[in-house]
């Protein structure tokens, strides 16, 4: 009679290793990551965790977004990759709700794929175009065939690249301002890109939306991520460097308070006047001051 055991060359028998069971709670996730530290990402635990994340976290998000076929597969792959990168970051193990962070990362990646496909460009530009469309300044791409059948003719003027070039030059100046404050050039570029991807929908429960996820994405301490968000993006009451450059130009870069605020993103003991002003009215409500 045959059995299901596997016989080794020494004559002993072993049972195949059963895949570990993944549950969606903090302790189980931290335990799985600790096991992965010992086994590596090629082990059984990592395989089970990544399969669970793909089928139970990322795939439902793509389906709920209304994606089907190749678009759903592409969004699923992008979201899965983003979550995998987040799983490797040590800061994930310190947050109170790591599964919530993974869900937010997957959701952002899936929505990024949607806007990129909608506007036929990469995610960063797609999000800018989508924000412009919501404010009435533009709209998603339309089929040329459907427009032609409706009687529309293509415009005879060439697109002006000046606006796009000006935006790219502005981002270069923001990158350089961070470098002048002491950040490495590659890190400065990553910071600016991540700040531009922060949520834009206001939340009455906090003064600045998205800085906690920014800390996870950049693998930075929370205080540093919040200062970067305040310095570059700001709030409605106190605009940051990017909106001020758009409205006032390069003169902003020579403002001592701006330089002090950027220096404060690198050194925790440095507290510039804008940070003190932003937090002073909230002393009676520490939950608001925390963002």
C-alpha atoms as a PDB file:
ATOM      1  CA  UNK A   1       0.000   0.000   0.000  1.00  0.00           C
ATOM      2  CA  UNK A   2       1.394   3.398  -1.009  1.00  0.00           C
ATOM      3  CA  UNK A   3       1.515   6.300   1.396  1.00  0.00           C
ATOM      4  CA  UNK A   4       1.806  10.055   0.740  1.00  0.00           C
ATOM      5  CA  UNK A   5       5.147  10.506   2.472  1.00  0.00           C
ATOM      6  CA  UNK A   6       8.293  11.321   0.567  1.00  0.00           C
ATOM      7  CA  UNK A   7      11.217   8.902   1.154  1.00  0.00           C
ATOM      8  CA  UNK A   8      14.686  10.411   1.318  1.00  0.00           C
ATOM      9  CA  UNK A   9      17.908   8.721   0.194  1.00  0.00           C
ATOM     10  CA  UNK A  10      18.663   7.851   3.862  1.00  0.00           C
ATOM     11  CA  UNK A  11      15.461   5.868   4.141  1.00  0.00           C
ATOM     12  CA  UNK A  12      13.624   8.310   6.405  1.00  0.00           C
ATOM     13  CA  UNK A  13      10.249   9.725   5.439  1.00  0.00           C
ATOM     14  CA  UNK A  14       9.126  13.354   5.605  1.00  0.00           C
ATOM     15  CA  UNK A  15       5.785  15.006   4.919  1.00  0.00           C
ATOM     16  CA  UNK A  16       5.575  17.877   2.413  1.00  0.00           C
ATOM     17  CA  UNK A  17       5.662  21.268   4.127  1.00  0.00           C
ATOM     18  CA  UNK A  18       2.165  22.721   4.377  1.00  0.00           C
ATOM     19  CA  UNK A  19       1.912  26.387   3.308  1.00  0.00           C
ATOM     20  CA  UNK A  20       1.503  28.711   6.310  1.00  0.00           C
ATOM     21  CA  UNK A  21      -1.918  30.232   6.911  1.00  0.00           C
ATOM     22  CA  UNK A  22      -2.076  34.015   6.513  1.00  0.00           C
ATOM     23  CA  UNK A  23      -4.634  35.991   8.516  1.00  0.00           C
ATOM     24  CA  UNK A  24      -5.337  39.690   8.292  1.00  0.00           C
ATOM     25  CA  UNK A  25      -4.264  40.887  11.724  1.00  0.00           C
ATOM     26  CA  UNK A  26      -1.207  42.774  12.906  1.00  0.00           C
ATOM     27  CA  UNK A  27       0.372  39.990  14.948  1.00  0.00           C
ATOM     28  CA  UNK A  28       0.055  37.447  12.140  1.00  0.00           C
ATOM     29  CA  UNK A  29       1.626  39.810   9.614  1.00  0.00           C
ATOM     30  CA  UNK A  30       4.517  40.729  11.899  1.00  0.00           C
ATOM     31  CA  UNK A  31       5.049  37.043  12.652  1.00  0.00           C
ATOM     32  CA  UNK A  32       5.117  36.211   8.948  1.00  0.00           C
ATOM     33  CA  UNK A  33       7.632  38.995   8.287  1.00  0.00           C
ATOM     34  CA  UNK A  34       9.827  37.737  11.128  1.00  0.00           C
ATOM     35  CA  UNK A  35       9.756  34.254   9.594  1.00  0.00           C
ATOM     36  CA  UNK A  36      10.607  35.724   6.196  1.00  0.00           C
ATOM     37  CA  UNK A  37      13.640  37.399   7.780  1.00  0.00           C
ATOM     38  CA  UNK A  38      14.931  33.911   8.531  1.00  0.00           C
ATOM     39  CA  UNK A  39      13.699  32.081   5.423  1.00  0.00           C
ATOM     40  CA  UNK A  40      14.184  34.828   2.824  1.00  0.00           C
ATOM     41  CA  UNK A  41      11.703  35.935   0.167  1.00  0.00           C
ATOM     42  CA  UNK A  42      12.130  32.609  -1.648  1.00  0.00           C
ATOM     43  CA  UNK A  43      10.675  30.630   1.262  1.00  0.00           C
ATOM     44  CA  UNK A  44       7.217  29.162   1.836  1.00  0.00           C
ATOM     45  CA  UNK A  45       6.057  31.962   4.138  1.00  0.00           C
ATOM     46  CA  UNK A  46       6.935  34.726   1.677  1.00  0.00           C
ATOM     47  CA  UNK A  47       5.199  32.860  -1.154  1.00  0.00           C
ATOM     48  CA  UNK A  48       2.053  32.384   0.917  1.00  0.00           C
ATOM     49  CA  UNK A  49       2.046  36.022   2.055  1.00  0.00           C
ATOM     50  CA  UNK A  50       2.527  37.416  -1.450  1.00  0.00           C
ATOM     51  CA  UNK A  51      -0.158  35.140  -2.865  1.00  0.00           C
ATOM     52  CA  UNK A  52      -2.561  36.238  -0.128  1.00  0.00           C
ATOM     53  CA  UNK A  53      -1.808  39.918  -0.747  1.00  0.00           C
ATOM     54  CA  UNK A  54      -2.394  39.532  -4.471  1.00  0.00           C
ATOM     55  CA  UNK A  55      -5.648  37.585  -4.257  1.00  0.00           C
ATOM     56  CA  UNK A  56      -7.196  39.085  -1.118  1.00  0.00           C
ATOM     57  CA  UNK A  57      -5.975  42.700  -1.139  1.00  0.00           C
ATOM     58  CA  UNK A  58      -4.913  43.879  -4.604  1.00  0.00           C
ATOM     59  CA  UNK A  59      -7.217  41.883  -6.895  1.00  0.00           C
ATOM     60  CA  UNK A  60     -10.464  42.943  -5.138  1.00  0.00           C
ATOM     61  CA  UNK A  61      -9.368  46.587  -5.425  1.00  0.00           C
ATOM     62  CA  UNK A  62      -8.873  46.235  -9.187  1.00  0.00           C
ATOM     63  CA  UNK A  63     -12.264  44.532  -9.561  1.00  0.00           C
ATOM     64  CA  UNK A  64     -14.044  47.090  -7.362  1.00  0.00           C
ATOM     65  CA  UNK A  65     -12.560  49.835  -9.536  1.00  0.00           C
ATOM     66  CA  UNK A  66     -14.421  48.350 -12.500  1.00  0.00           C
ATOM     67  CA  UNK A  67     -11.355  47.033 -14.308  1.00  0.00           C
ATOM     68  CA  UNK A  68     -11.561  43.890 -16.418  1.00  0.00           C
ATOM     69  CA  UNK A  69      -9.278  41.910 -18.714  1.00  0.00           C
ATOM     70  CA  UNK A  70      -5.815  43.246 -19.481  1.00  0.00           C
ATOM     71  CA  UNK A  71      -6.432  46.506 -17.597  1.00  0.00           C
ATOM     72  CA  UNK A  72      -7.291  44.597 -14.420  1.00  0.00           C
ATOM     73  CA  UNK A  73      -4.232  42.364 -14.792  1.00  0.00           C
ATOM     74  CA  UNK A  74      -1.942  45.366 -15.285  1.00  0.00           C
ATOM     75  CA  UNK A  75      -3.377  47.221 -12.288  1.00  0.00           C
ATOM     76  CA  UNK A  76      -3.145  44.054 -10.179  1.00  0.00           C
ATOM     77  CA  UNK A  77       0.512  43.552 -11.092  1.00  0.00           C
ATOM     78  CA  UNK A  78       1.366  47.191 -10.364  1.00  0.00           C
ATOM     79  CA  UNK A  79      -0.447  47.155  -7.026  1.00  0.00           C
ATOM     80  CA  UNK A  80       1.162  43.859  -6.062  1.00  0.00           C
ATOM     81  CA  UNK A  81       4.638  45.224  -6.798  1.00  0.00           C
ATOM     82  CA  UNK A  82       3.970  48.359  -4.747  1.00  0.00           C
ATOM     83  CA  UNK A  83       2.751  46.307  -1.785  1.00  0.00           C
ATOM     84  CA  UNK A  84       5.751  43.989  -2.026  1.00  0.00           C
ATOM     85  CA  UNK A  85       8.109  46.970  -1.818  1.00  0.00           C
ATOM     86  CA  UNK A  86       6.207  48.252   1.225  1.00  0.00           C
ATOM     87  CA  UNK A  87       6.437  44.830   2.903  1.00  0.00           C
ATOM     88  CA  UNK A  88      10.241  45.070   2.784  1.00  0.00           C
ATOM     89  CA  UNK A  89      10.358  48.402   4.632  1.00  0.00           C
ATOM     90  CA  UNK A  90      11.208  48.253   8.360  1.00  0.00           C
ATOM     91  CA  UNK A  91       8.846  51.154   9.108  1.00  0.00           C
ATOM     92  CA  UNK A  92       5.830  48.968   8.258  1.00  0.00           C
ATOM     93  CA  UNK A  93       6.493  46.931  11.412  1.00  0.00           C
ATOM     94  CA  UNK A  94       6.082  49.964  13.668  1.00  0.00           C
ATOM     95  CA  UNK A  95       2.702  51.239  12.465  1.00  0.00           C
ATOM     96  CA  UNK A  96      -0.483  50.398  14.363  1.00  0.00           C
ATOM     97  CA  UNK A  97      -2.347  49.084  11.314  1.00  0.00           C
ATOM     98  CA  UNK A  98       0.091  47.595   8.771  1.00  0.00           C
ATOM     99  CA  UNK A  99      -2.700  45.955   6.772  1.00  0.00           C
ATOM    100  CA  UNK A 100      -4.318  49.373   6.425  1.00  0.00           C
ATOM    101  CA  UNK A 101      -1.064  50.788   5.076  1.00  0.00           C
ATOM    102  CA  UNK A 102      -0.786  47.927   2.573  1.00  0.00           C
ATOM    103  CA  UNK A 103      -4.371  48.524   1.457  1.00  0.00           C
ATOM    104  CA  UNK A 104      -3.696  52.225   0.929  1.00  0.00           C
ATOM    105  CA  UNK A 105      -0.521  51.490  -1.047  1.00  0.00           C
ATOM    106  CA  UNK A 106      -2.372  48.992  -3.255  1.00  0.00           C
ATOM    107  CA  UNK A 107      -5.284  51.379  -3.760  1.00  0.00           C
ATOM    108  CA  UNK A 108      -2.982  54.236  -4.749  1.00  0.00           C
ATOM    109  CA  UNK A 109      -1.163  52.008  -7.232  1.00  0.00           C
ATOM    110  CA  UNK A 110      -4.411  50.744  -8.788  1.00  0.00           C
ATOM    111  CA  UNK A 111      -5.827  54.269  -9.092  1.00  0.00           C
ATOM    112  CA  UNK A 112      -2.519  55.409 -10.566  1.00  0.00           C
ATOM    113  CA  UNK A 113      -2.828  52.754 -13.277  1.00  0.00           C
ATOM    114  CA  UNK A 114      -6.372  53.914 -13.993  1.00  0.00           C
ATOM    115  CA  UNK A 115      -5.468  57.583 -14.485  1.00  0.00           C
ATOM    116  CA  UNK A 116      -2.362  56.651 -16.488  1.00  0.00           C
ATOM    117  CA  UNK A 117      -4.493  54.562 -18.849  1.00  0.00           C
ATOM    118  CA  UNK A 118      -7.238  57.190 -18.988  1.00  0.00           C
ATOM    119  CA  UNK A 119      -4.878  59.914 -20.165  1.00  0.00           C
ATOM    120  CA  UNK A 120      -2.416  57.731 -22.075  1.00  0.00           C
ATOM    121  CA  UNK A 121       0.636  58.814 -20.070  1.00  0.00           C
ATOM    122  CA  UNK A 122       2.672  57.908 -17.014  1.00  0.00           C
ATOM    123  CA  UNK A 123       1.119  58.049 -13.542  1.00  0.00           C
ATOM    124  CA  UNK A 124       2.566  61.357 -12.364  1.00  0.00           C
ATOM    125  CA  UNK A 125       1.330  63.307 -15.375  1.00  0.00           C
ATOM    126  CA  UNK A 126      -1.941  61.354 -15.364  1.00  0.00           C
ATOM    127  CA  UNK A 127      -2.697  62.484 -11.810  1.00  0.00           C
ATOM    128  CA  UNK A 128      -2.024  66.124 -12.766  1.00  0.00           C
ATOM    129  CA  UNK A 129      -4.314  65.840 -15.779  1.00  0.00           C
ATOM    130  CA  UNK A 130      -6.992  64.168 -13.682  1.00  0.00           C
ATOM    131  CA  UNK A 131      -6.817  66.958 -11.092  1.00  0.00           C
ATOM    132  CA  UNK A 132      -7.128  69.507 -13.899  1.00  0.00           C
ATOM    133  CA  UNK A 133     -10.139  67.642 -15.296  1.00  0.00           C
ATOM    134  CA  UNK A 134     -11.872  67.689 -11.913  1.00  0.00           C
ATOM    135  CA  UNK A 135     -11.413  71.449 -11.737  1.00  0.00           C
ATOM    136  CA  UNK A 136     -12.890  71.876 -15.225  1.00  0.00           C
ATOM    137  CA  UNK A 137      -9.618  72.593 -17.018  1.00  0.00           C
ATOM    138  CA  UNK A 138      -9.615  69.460 -19.184  1.00  0.00           C
ATOM    139  CA  UNK A 139     -10.945  65.962 -19.578  1.00  0.00           C
ATOM    140  CA  UNK A 140      -9.960  62.352 -20.278  1.00  0.00           C
ATOM    141  CA  UNK A 141      -8.893  61.116 -23.675  1.00  0.00           C
ATOM    142  CA  UNK A 142     -11.607  60.396 -26.229  1.00  0.00           C
ATOM    143  CA  UNK A 143     -11.542  58.022 -29.178  1.00  0.00           C
ATOM    144  CA  UNK A 144     -10.516  59.796 -32.385  1.00  0.00           C
ATOM    145  CA  UNK A 145     -12.789  57.506 -34.372  1.00  0.00           C
ATOM    146  CA  UNK A 146     -15.832  58.430 -32.294  1.00  0.00           C
ATOM    147  CA  UNK A 147     -14.997  62.146 -32.557  1.00  0.00           C
ATOM    148  CA  UNK A 148     -14.531  61.893 -36.320  1.00  0.00           C
ATOM    149  CA  UNK A 149     -17.855  60.088 -36.726  1.00  0.00           C
ATOM    150  CA  UNK A 150     -19.508  62.889 -34.766  1.00  0.00           C
ATOM    151  CA  UNK A 151     -18.102  65.469 -37.184  1.00  0.00           C
ATOM    152  CA  UNK A 152     -15.187  66.791 -35.159  1.00  0.00           C
ATOM    153  CA  UNK A 153     -12.042  67.867 -36.994  1.00  0.00           C
ATOM    154  CA  UNK A 154      -8.532  67.876 -35.515  1.00  0.00           C
ATOM    155  CA  UNK A 155      -7.159  71.264 -34.532  1.00  0.00           C
ATOM    156  CA  UNK A 156      -4.627  72.806 -36.898  1.00  0.00           C
ATOM    157  CA  UNK A 157      -2.446  74.314 -34.185  1.00  0.00           C
ATOM    158  CA  UNK A 158       0.517  72.523 -32.694  1.00  0.00           C
ATOM    159  CA  UNK A 159       0.512  72.011 -28.906  1.00  0.00           C
ATOM    160  CA  UNK A 160       2.567  74.558 -26.989  1.00  0.00           C
ATOM    161  CA  UNK A 161       5.211  72.744 -24.890  1.00  0.00           C
ATOM    162  CA  UNK A 162       5.966  75.831 -22.791  1.00  0.00           C
ATOM    163  CA  UNK A 163       3.614  74.935 -19.931  1.00  0.00           C
ATOM    164  CA  UNK A 164       4.980  71.415 -19.572  1.00  0.00           C
ATOM    165  CA  UNK A 165       8.556  72.660 -19.749  1.00  0.00           C
ATOM    166  CA  UNK A 166       7.868  75.317 -17.115  1.00  0.00           C
ATOM    167  CA  UNK A 167       6.421  72.680 -14.771  1.00  0.00           C
ATOM    168  CA  UNK A 168       9.446  70.419 -15.206  1.00  0.00           C
ATOM    169  CA  UNK A 169      11.784  73.344 -14.535  1.00  0.00           C
ATOM    170  CA  UNK A 170       9.820  74.194 -11.392  1.00  0.00           C
ATOM    171  CA  UNK A 171      10.215  70.628 -10.099  1.00  0.00           C
ATOM    172  CA  UNK A 172      13.944  70.805 -10.807  1.00  0.00           C
ATOM    173  CA  UNK A 173      14.134  73.974  -8.679  1.00  0.00           C
ATOM    174  CA  UNK A 174      12.276  72.239  -5.854  1.00  0.00           C
ATOM    175  CA  UNK A 175      14.680  69.290  -6.093  1.00  0.00           C
ATOM    176  CA  UNK A 176      17.633  71.680  -5.926  1.00  0.00           C
ATOM    177  CA  UNK A 177      16.175  73.505  -2.917  1.00  0.00           C
ATOM    178  CA  UNK A 178      16.106  70.200  -1.025  1.00  0.00           C
ATOM    179  CA  UNK A 179      19.662  69.416  -2.147  1.00  0.00           C
ATOM    180  CA  UNK A 180      20.784  72.847  -0.902  1.00  0.00           C
ATOM    181  CA  UNK A 181      19.183  71.999   2.452  1.00  0.00           C
ATOM    182  CA  UNK A 182      21.321  68.838   2.679  1.00  0.00           C
ATOM    183  CA  UNK A 183      19.306  66.068   0.999  1.00  0.00           C
ATOM    184  CA  UNK A 184      20.938  63.708  -1.495  1.00  0.00           C
ATOM    185  CA  UNK A 185      19.880  64.482  -5.113  1.00  0.00           C
ATOM    186  CA  UNK A 186      18.257  61.084  -5.736  1.00  0.00           C
ATOM    187  CA  UNK A 187      16.405  61.256  -2.417  1.00  0.00           C
ATOM    188  CA  UNK A 188      15.239  64.814  -3.150  1.00  0.00           C
ATOM    189  CA  UNK A 189      13.676  63.673  -6.438  1.00  0.00           C
ATOM    190  CA  UNK A 190      11.898  60.777  -4.689  1.00  0.00           C
ATOM    191  CA  UNK A 191      10.580  63.163  -2.030  1.00  0.00           C
ATOM    192  CA  UNK A 192       9.141  65.612  -4.558  1.00  0.00           C
ATOM    193  CA  UNK A 193       7.504  62.816  -6.566  1.00  0.00           C
ATOM    194  CA  UNK A 194       5.961  61.323  -3.415  1.00  0.00           C
ATOM    195  CA  UNK A 195       4.663  64.693  -2.176  1.00  0.00           C
ATOM    196  CA  UNK A 196       2.993  65.309  -5.546  1.00  0.00           C
ATOM    197  CA  UNK A 197       1.200  61.956  -5.185  1.00  0.00           C
ATOM    198  CA  UNK A 198      -0.248  62.837  -1.774  1.00  0.00           C
ATOM    199  CA  UNK A 199      -4.076  62.895  -1.528  1.00  0.00           C
ATOM    200  CA  UNK A 200      -5.721  66.198  -2.421  1.00  0.00           C
ATOM    201  CA  UNK A 201      -9.136  65.647  -0.795  1.00  0.00           C
ATOM    202  CA  UNK A 202      -9.430  67.739   2.411  1.00  0.00           C
ATOM    203  CA  UNK A 203     -10.194  65.969   5.681  1.00  0.00           C
ATOM    204  CA  UNK A 204     -11.690  67.990   8.564  1.00  0.00           C
ATOM    205  CA  UNK A 205     -10.044  65.624  11.048  1.00  0.00           C
ATOM    206  CA  UNK A 206      -6.485  66.737  10.210  1.00  0.00           C
ATOM    207  CA  UNK A 207      -4.580  69.761   8.962  1.00  0.00           C
ATOM    208  CA  UNK A 208      -2.523  67.845   6.397  1.00  0.00           C
ATOM    209  CA  UNK A 209      -3.684  64.697   4.600  1.00  0.00           C
ATOM    210  CA  UNK A 210      -1.375  61.834   3.640  1.00  0.00           C
ATOM    211  CA  UNK A 211       1.850  62.498   5.540  1.00  0.00           C
ATOM    212  CA  UNK A 212       1.695  59.165   7.424  1.00  0.00           C
ATOM    213  CA  UNK A 213       1.586  57.207   4.168  1.00  0.00           C
ATOM    214  CA  UNK A 214       4.374  59.479   2.911  1.00  0.00           C
ATOM    215  CA  UNK A 215       6.523  58.315   5.844  1.00  0.00           C
ATOM    216  CA  UNK A 216       5.985  54.677   4.860  1.00  0.00           C
ATOM    217  CA  UNK A 217       6.573  55.297   1.146  1.00  0.00           C
ATOM    218  CA  UNK A 218       9.848  57.144   1.745  1.00  0.00           C
ATOM    219  CA  UNK A 219      10.856  55.034   4.779  1.00  0.00           C
ATOM    220  CA  UNK A 220      11.297  58.171   6.897  1.00  0.00           C
ATOM    221  CA  UNK A 221      10.452  58.974  10.526  1.00  0.00           C
ATOM    222  CA  UNK A 222       6.930  60.440  10.877  1.00  0.00           C
ATOM    223  CA  UNK A 223       8.182  63.830  12.069  1.00  0.00           C
ATOM    224  CA  UNK A 224      10.375  64.153   8.981  1.00  0.00           C
ATOM    225  CA  UNK A 225       7.633  63.146   6.549  1.00  0.00           C
ATOM    226  CA  UNK A 226       5.219  65.670   8.070  1.00  0.00           C
ATOM    227  CA  UNK A 227       7.764  68.480   7.892  1.00  0.00           C
ATOM    228  CA  UNK A 228       8.497  67.653   4.250  1.00  0.00           C
ATOM    229  CA  UNK A 229       4.799  67.709   3.423  1.00  0.00           C
ATOM    230  CA  UNK A 230       4.354  71.058   5.188  1.00  0.00           C
ATOM    231  CA  UNK A 231       7.485  72.569   3.619  1.00  0.00           C
ATOM    232  CA  UNK A 232       6.772  71.490   0.041  1.00  0.00           C
ATOM    233  CA  UNK A 233       2.999  71.318  -0.159  1.00  0.00           C
ATOM    234  CA  UNK A 234       1.768  73.229   2.886  1.00  0.00           C
ATOM    235  CA  UNK A 235      -1.828  73.793   3.891  1.00  0.00           C
ATOM    236  CA  UNK A 236      -4.606  76.089   2.708  1.00  0.00           C
ATOM    237  CA  UNK A 237      -3.634  78.570   5.401  1.00  0.00           C
ATOM    238  CA  UNK A 238       0.132  78.274   4.865  1.00  0.00           C
ATOM    239  CA  UNK A 239       1.126  77.208   1.310  1.00  0.00           C
ATOM    240  CA  UNK A 240       4.386  75.318   0.878  1.00  0.00           C
ATOM    241  CA  UNK A 241       7.265  75.835  -1.524  1.00  0.00           C
ATOM    242  CA  UNK A 242       5.624  74.279  -4.603  1.00  0.00           C
ATOM    243  CA  UNK A 243       2.451  76.433  -4.646  1.00  0.00           C
ATOM    244  CA  UNK A 244       4.456  79.518  -3.692  1.00  0.00           C
ATOM    245  CA  UNK A 245       6.850  78.965  -6.589  1.00  0.00           C
ATOM    246  CA  UNK A 246       3.854  78.739  -8.910  1.00  0.00           C
ATOM    247  CA  UNK A 247       2.402  82.032  -7.707  1.00  0.00           C
ATOM    248  CA  UNK A 248       5.438  84.127  -6.708  1.00  0.00           C
ATOM    249  CA  UNK A 249       8.320  82.683  -8.739  1.00  0.00           C
ATOM    250  CA  UNK A 250      11.967  82.166  -7.826  1.00  0.00           C
ATOM    251  CA  UNK A 251      11.944  85.041  -5.343  1.00  0.00           C
ATOM    252  CA  UNK A 252      10.506  82.555  -2.834  1.00  0.00           C
ATOM    253  CA  UNK A 253      13.762  80.579  -2.861  1.00  0.00           C
ATOM    254  CA  UNK A 254      15.587  83.594  -1.395  1.00  0.00           C
ATOM    255  CA  UNK A 255      13.173  83.878   1.521  1.00  0.00           C
ATOM    256  CA  UNK A 256      15.092  83.062   4.766  1.00  0.00           C
ATOM    257  CA  UNK A 257      11.981  81.475   6.298  1.00  0.00           C
ATOM    258  CA  UNK A 258      11.738  79.047   3.352  1.00  0.00           C
ATOM    259  CA  UNK A 259      15.381  78.035   3.727  1.00  0.00           C
ATOM    260  CA  UNK A 260      14.894  77.606   7.479  1.00  0.00           C
ATOM    261  CA  UNK A 261      11.808  75.452   6.886  1.00  0.00           C
ATOM    262  CA  UNK A 262      13.673  73.220   4.418  1.00  0.00           C
ATOM    263  CA  UNK A 263      16.594  72.875   6.843  1.00  0.00           C
ATOM    264  CA  UNK A 264      14.078  71.783   9.457  1.00  0.00           C
ATOM    265  CA  UNK A 265      13.142  68.779   7.316  1.00  0.00           C
ATOM    266  CA  UNK A 266      16.616  67.311   7.784  1.00  0.00           C
ATOM    267  CA  UNK A 267      17.382  68.137  11.415  1.00  0.00           C
ATOM    268  CA  UNK A 268      14.744  67.504  14.038  1.00  0.00           C
ATOM    269  CA  UNK A 269      16.084  70.055  16.520  1.00  0.00           C
ATOM    270  CA  UNK A 270      15.659  72.820  13.937  1.00  0.00           C
ATOM    271  CA  UNK A 271      12.215  74.386  14.328  1.00  0.00           C
ATOM    272  CA  UNK A 272      11.411  77.141  11.876  1.00  0.00           C
ATOM    273  CA  UNK A 273       8.742  79.829  12.444  1.00  0.00           C
ATOM    274  CA  UNK A 274       6.271  78.299   9.922  1.00  0.00           C
ATOM    275  CA  UNK A 275       6.151  75.048  11.897  1.00  0.00           C
ATOM    276  CA  UNK A 276       5.608  76.861  15.176  1.00  0.00           C
ATOM    277  CA  UNK A 277       2.862  78.997  13.608  1.00  0.00           C
ATOM    278  CA  UNK A 278       1.116  75.959  12.116  1.00  0.00           C
ATOM    279  CA  UNK A 279       0.970  74.075  15.406  1.00  0.00           C
ATOM    280  CA  UNK A 280       0.444  76.851  17.985  1.00  0.00           C
ATOM    281  CA  UNK A 281      -3.356  77.223  17.443  1.00  0.00           C
ATOM    282  CA  UNK A 282      -3.777  73.470  17.947  1.00  0.00           C
ATOM    283  CA  UNK A 283      -2.258  73.192  21.426  1.00  0.00           C
ATOM    284  CA  UNK A 284      -5.675  72.564  22.900  1.00  0.00           C
ATOM    285  CA  UNK A 285      -6.385  69.805  20.354  1.00  0.00           C
ATOM    286  CA  UNK A 286      -3.343  67.526  20.093  1.00  0.00           C
ATOM    287  CA  UNK A 287      -5.145  65.179  17.681  1.00  0.00           C
ATOM    288  CA  UNK A 288      -5.407  68.007  15.155  1.00  0.00           C
ATOM    289  CA  UNK A 289      -1.791  69.036  15.697  1.00  0.00           C
ATOM    290  CA  UNK A 290      -0.702  65.491  14.917  1.00  0.00           C
ATOM    291  CA  UNK A 291      -2.184  65.804  11.430  1.00  0.00           C
END
